[in-house]
Amino acid sequence: MKIFNFMANNYFKFKQFTVCQDKCAMKVGTDGVLIGAWADCENAKAILDIGTGTGLIALMLAQRSNAEIHAIEIDDDACDQAKENVTKSPWSNKIRISNISLQDYINEKSNSKYDLIVSNPPYFQNSLFAPDEKRTNARHNSSFELEDLIDITVKLLNDKGNLSIILPYLEATMFIIQAAEKGLYCVRQTKVLPKPGREPKRLLLEFMKIKKPLIEQEIIIELNKRHQYSEAYKNLTKDYYLAF
């Protein structure tokens, strides 16, 4: 989902940091901004960002938390780009980027524990593959299964921690069922509507190992005029976007 024209430049400037994206197949997008602004990191001391890409989500979480953040990325070029973006940011001392797959990471860090695990995962399981291999790997689950995300969360998440992700509506409903089968329960979800009266395109989801009453919300991105953003969307992202 794209609202701002993130892909027009080789970089995107936020209020407190700049994200260069010329080396990354997947550019800065509304999905990443949404989960970066929505994820609950208030009490987190240790955060894991899975599939960091440009490093956007890690940087957003660093801006509004005191946590140590570990971000992993399987693509070499994207990992280099994320390291570059972090180095130039005000939070280079608390974000660590690793060039490693999710599967290898769980083997190496099986004793690590996190208060927040966050991801804007690849999820286009049934769509046509993009012609560019890097873009294909970034968007499809050819090397990343959503079930892997559930398994690593069960192993690495603190008992009172949370997993926060964004998924298309259909994939999200399936993910909620799969997660519950392995002891991860959806405690908060926000439907993302592109405009009033439209069907939700995405679900922002928060999971915990503890069952709690589900909190359901919704957010509309744009009103009926293009680039006329809802107050809810502006309030969520105002600490990041220069336009707000």
Protein backbone atom coordinates (compact mmCIF):
# COMPACT_ATOMS: atom_id res chain seq x y z
CA MET A 1 0.00 0.00 0.00
CA LYS A 2 1.50 3.33 -1.07
CA ILE A 3 0.25 6.74 0.04
CA PHE A 4 3.19 9.09 -0.23
CA ASN A 5 5.35 8.76 -3.36
CA PHE A 6 8.15 7.04 -1.46
CA MET A 7 9.74 5.57 -4.58
CA ALA A 8 10.25 8.84 -6.46
CA ASN A 9 13.66 9.48 -4.86
CA ASN A 10 16.64 7.46 -3.72
CA TYR A 11 15.93 8.67 -0.22
CA PHE A 12 13.02 9.65 2.02
CA LYS A 13 13.47 12.30 4.69
CA PHE A 14 11.65 12.04 7.99
CA LYS A 15 11.69 14.59 10.81
CA GLN A 16 14.63 13.10 12.69
CA PHE A 17 16.32 10.79 10.17
CA THR A 18 16.74 10.09 6.47
CA VAL A 19 16.29 6.70 4.80
CA CYS A 20 18.39 6.08 1.69
CA GLN A 21 16.90 3.34 -0.46
CA ASP A 22 18.83 3.14 -3.74
CA LYS A 23 20.30 -0.30 -2.87
CA CYS A 24 17.05 -1.86 -1.65
CA ALA A 25 14.56 -3.75 -3.80
CA MET A 26 11.72 -2.82 -1.46
CA LYS A 27 11.45 0.91 -0.87
CA VAL A 28 10.00 2.82 2.06
CA GLY A 29 6.24 2.32 2.03
CA THR A 30 3.12 3.07 4.01
CA ASP A 31 3.02 -0.46 5.49
CA GLY A 32 6.42 -0.01 7.11
CA VAL A 33 5.55 3.44 8.43
CA LEU A 34 2.28 2.16 9.87
CA ILE A 35 3.81 -0.72 11.82
CA GLY A 36 6.76 1.40 12.89
CA ALA A 37 4.42 3.99 14.38
CA TRP A 38 1.80 1.54 15.72
CA ALA A 39 3.91 -1.13 17.47
CA ASP A 40 3.89 -0.83 21.26
CA CYS A 41 7.50 -0.26 22.35
CA GLU A 42 6.82 1.86 25.43
CA ASN A 43 8.29 -0.58 27.96
CA ALA A 44 10.57 -2.53 25.64
CA LYS A 45 14.23 -2.92 26.55
CA ALA A 46 15.13 -5.35 23.76
CA ILE A 47 13.57 -5.32 20.27
CA LEU A 48 14.06 -7.64 17.28
CA ASP A 49 13.19 -6.29 13.80
CA ILE A 50 12.86 -9.17 11.32
CA GLY A 51 13.53 -8.30 7.65
CA THR A 52 14.57 -4.73 8.30
CA GLY A 53 15.15 -3.74 4.65
CA THR A 54 16.23 -0.10 4.70
CA GLY A 55 16.18 -0.09 8.50
CA LEU A 56 13.05 2.07 8.56
CA ILE A 57 11.15 0.29 11.33
CA ALA A 58 14.23 -0.04 13.54
CA LEU A 59 14.87 3.70 13.17
CA MET A 60 11.25 4.58 13.94
CA LEU A 61 11.28 2.44 17.08
CA ALA A 62 14.63 3.88 18.15
CA GLN A 63 13.16 7.38 17.91
CA ARG A 64 10.45 6.63 20.46
CA SER A 65 12.02 4.06 22.80
CA ASN A 66 15.06 3.45 24.96
CA ALA A 67 15.42 -0.13 23.76
CA GLU A 68 18.42 -1.90 22.30
CA ILE A 69 17.34 -2.92 18.81
CA HIS A 70 18.65 -5.85 16.78
CA ALA A 71 17.56 -5.84 13.12
CA ILE A 72 18.18 -8.75 10.75
CA GLU A 73 18.17 -8.74 6.95
CA ILE A 74 19.00 -11.60 4.57
CA ASP A 75 19.78 -9.46 1.48
CA ASP A 76 23.39 -8.23 1.36
CA ASP A 77 22.69 -4.90 -0.36
CA ALA A 78 19.70 -4.09 1.83
CA CYS A 79 21.74 -4.93 4.92
CA ASP A 80 24.51 -2.54 3.79
CA GLN A 81 21.89 0.15 3.17
CA ALA A 82 20.35 -0.35 6.60
CA LYS A 83 23.77 -0.08 8.24
CA GLU A 84 24.40 3.15 6.32
CA ASN A 85 21.06 4.61 7.38
CA VAL A 86 21.60 3.66 11.01
CA THR A 87 25.15 5.05 11.06
CA LYS A 88 23.89 8.42 9.84
CA SER A 89 21.03 8.49 12.35
CA PRO A 90 21.04 9.78 15.94
CA TRP A 91 20.68 6.19 17.25
CA SER A 92 23.67 4.36 15.82
CA ASN A 93 24.69 3.32 19.35
CA LYS A 94 21.50 1.35 20.02
CA ILE A 95 20.69 -0.34 16.68
CA ARG A 96 22.65 -3.37 15.47
CA ILE A 97 22.13 -4.71 11.95
CA SER A 98 22.97 -8.33 11.07
CA ASN A 99 23.14 -9.92 7.62
CA ILE A 100 21.50 -13.26 8.45
CA SER A 101 18.44 -15.33 7.62
CA LEU A 102 15.64 -15.85 10.09
CA GLN A 103 16.37 -19.57 10.22
CA ASP A 104 20.10 -19.09 10.93
CA TYR A 105 19.35 -16.43 13.49
CA ILE A 106 17.19 -18.73 15.60
CA ASN A 107 20.00 -21.31 15.57
CA GLU A 108 22.58 -18.78 16.73
CA LYS A 109 20.46 -16.80 19.20
CA SER A 110 18.19 -19.43 20.71
CA ASN A 111 18.86 -18.10 24.22
CA SER A 112 18.06 -14.46 23.41
CA LYS A 113 14.81 -12.92 24.69
CA TYR A 114 12.96 -9.87 23.38
CA ASP A 115 10.22 -7.63 24.73
CA LEU A 116 9.06 -6.75 21.20
CA ILE A 117 9.44 -8.60 17.92
CA VAL A 118 8.32 -6.56 14.92
CA SER A 119 8.09 -7.27 11.20
CA ASN A 120 6.68 -6.04 7.93
CA PRO A 121 6.98 -9.51 6.42
CA PRO A 122 6.87 -10.76 2.84
CA TYR A 123 3.42 -12.11 2.21
CA PHE A 124 2.60 -12.25 -1.49
CA GLN A 125 2.35 -16.03 -1.44
CA ASN A 126 0.11 -16.51 -4.47
CA SER A 127 0.82 -13.50 -6.68
CA LEU A 128 3.05 -13.54 -9.76
CA PHE A 129 6.74 -13.28 -8.98
CA ALA A 130 8.40 -9.97 -9.79
CA PRO A 131 11.02 -10.14 -12.57
CA ASP A 132 13.77 -8.82 -10.29
CA GLU A 133 15.12 -11.57 -8.01
CA LYS A 134 15.86 -9.24 -5.11
CA ARG A 135 12.39 -7.75 -5.26
CA THR A 136 10.91 -11.24 -5.50
CA ASN A 137 12.75 -12.40 -2.38
CA ALA A 138 11.71 -9.25 -0.53
CA ARG A 139 8.02 -9.61 -1.39
CA HIS A 140 7.44 -13.35 -1.57
CA ASN A 141 7.86 -16.06 1.01
CA SER A 142 10.34 -18.04 -1.11
CA SER A 143 12.89 -17.84 1.74
CA PHE A 144 10.55 -16.69 4.53
CA GLU A 145 7.44 -18.52 5.68
CA LEU A 146 5.00 -16.74 7.96
CA GLU A 147 4.97 -19.89 10.08
CA ASP A 148 8.69 -19.33 10.69
CA LEU A 149 7.81 -15.97 12.20
CA ILE A 150 5.43 -17.66 14.62
CA ASP A 151 8.03 -20.27 15.61
CA ILE A 152 10.82 -17.75 16.23
CA THR A 153 8.45 -15.55 18.23
CA VAL A 154 7.43 -18.43 20.49
CA LYS A 155 11.11 -19.15 21.17
CA LEU A 156 12.48 -15.61 21.53
CA LEU A 157 9.63 -13.54 22.96
CA ASN A 158 9.58 -12.75 26.66
CA ASP A 159 6.53 -14.06 28.53
CA LYS A 160 5.01 -10.57 28.71
CA GLY A 161 6.38 -9.32 25.36
CA ASN A 162 4.54 -8.81 22.08
CA LEU A 163 4.82 -9.50 18.38
CA SER A 164 3.64 -6.66 16.13
CA ILE A 165 3.17 -7.18 12.37
CA ILE A 166 1.22 -5.85 9.40
CA LEU A 167 -0.42 -8.17 6.87
CA PRO A 168 -3.02 -8.07 4.09
CA TYR A 169 -6.49 -8.81 5.43
CA LEU A 170 -6.81 -12.40 4.18
CA GLU A 171 -3.32 -13.46 5.21
CA ALA A 172 -3.86 -11.80 8.59
CA THR A 173 -6.94 -13.86 9.41
CA MET A 174 -5.05 -17.06 8.58
CA PHE A 175 -2.05 -15.93 10.59
CA ILE A 176 -4.20 -15.29 13.68
CA ILE A 177 -5.45 -18.90 13.58
CA GLN A 178 -1.96 -20.36 13.02
CA ALA A 179 -0.47 -18.27 15.83
CA ALA A 180 -3.16 -19.29 18.33
CA GLU A 181 -2.46 -22.95 17.59
CA LYS A 182 1.11 -22.36 18.81
CA GLY A 183 0.28 -20.28 21.87
CA LEU A 184 0.38 -16.75 20.46
CA TYR A 185 -2.86 -14.82 20.89
CA CYS A 186 -4.01 -11.70 19.08
CA VAL A 187 -4.72 -9.02 21.70
CA ARG A 188 -4.94 -5.92 19.49
CA GLN A 189 -5.81 -5.37 15.85
CA THR A 190 -6.36 -2.30 13.74
CA LYS A 191 -8.08 -2.46 10.37
CA VAL A 192 -6.41 -0.18 7.81
CA LEU A 193 -8.86 1.37 5.32
CA PRO A 194 -7.45 3.33 2.39
CA LYS A 195 -10.54 5.61 2.31
CA PRO A 196 -13.93 5.87 4.07
CA GLY A 197 -16.33 3.12 3.04
CA ARG A 198 -13.61 0.95 1.48
CA GLU A 199 -12.79 -2.57 2.57
CA PRO A 200 -9.76 -2.87 4.86
CA LYS A 201 -6.56 -3.61 2.96
CA ARG A 202 -4.29 -4.40 5.90
CA LEU A 203 -4.47 -5.49 9.52
CA LEU A 204 -2.06 -4.26 12.15
CA LEU A 205 -1.73 -7.10 14.65
CA GLU A 206 -0.31 -7.49 18.13
CA PHE A 207 0.20 -10.92 19.71
CA MET A 208 1.14 -12.09 23.19
CA LYS A 209 1.68 -15.41 24.93
CA ILE A 210 -1.01 -14.34 27.39
CA LYS A 211 -4.68 -14.41 26.42
CA LYS A 212 -6.37 -11.02 26.83
CA PRO A 213 -9.62 -9.46 25.57
CA LEU A 214 -9.11 -8.40 21.96
CA ILE A 215 -8.91 -4.66 21.34
CA GLU A 216 -10.31 -3.86 17.87
CA GLN A 217 -9.79 -0.53 16.12
CA GLU A 218 -9.66 0.91 12.62
CA ILE A 219 -7.79 3.68 10.91
CA ILE A 220 -8.59 5.46 7.63
CA ILE A 221 -5.59 6.73 5.69
CA GLU A 222 -7.06 9.25 3.24
CA LEU A 223 -10.40 11.03 3.20
CA ASN A 224 -12.33 11.45 -0.03
CA LYS A 225 -9.78 13.83 -1.55
CA ARG A 226 -6.33 12.58 -2.50
CA HIS A 227 -3.62 13.60 0.01
CA GLN A 228 -6.31 14.71 2.49
CA TYR A 229 -5.27 12.51 5.38
CA SER A 230 -7.46 11.53 8.30
CA GLU A 231 -6.75 12.96 11.73
CA ALA A 232 -6.14 9.44 13.05
CA TYR A 233 -3.45 8.79 10.44
CA LYS A 234 -1.84 12.18 11.00
CA ASN A 235 -1.83 11.67 14.76
CA LEU A 236 -0.25 8.23 14.40
CA THR A 237 2.56 9.41 12.12
CA LYS A 238 3.01 13.08 13.08
CA ASP A 239 6.31 12.46 14.87
CA TYR A 240 7.81 11.15 11.63
CA TYR A 241 6.42 12.81 8.52
CA LEU A 242 7.72 16.27 7.64
CA ALA A 243 4.34 17.00 6.03
CA PHE A 244 2.60 16.59 9.37
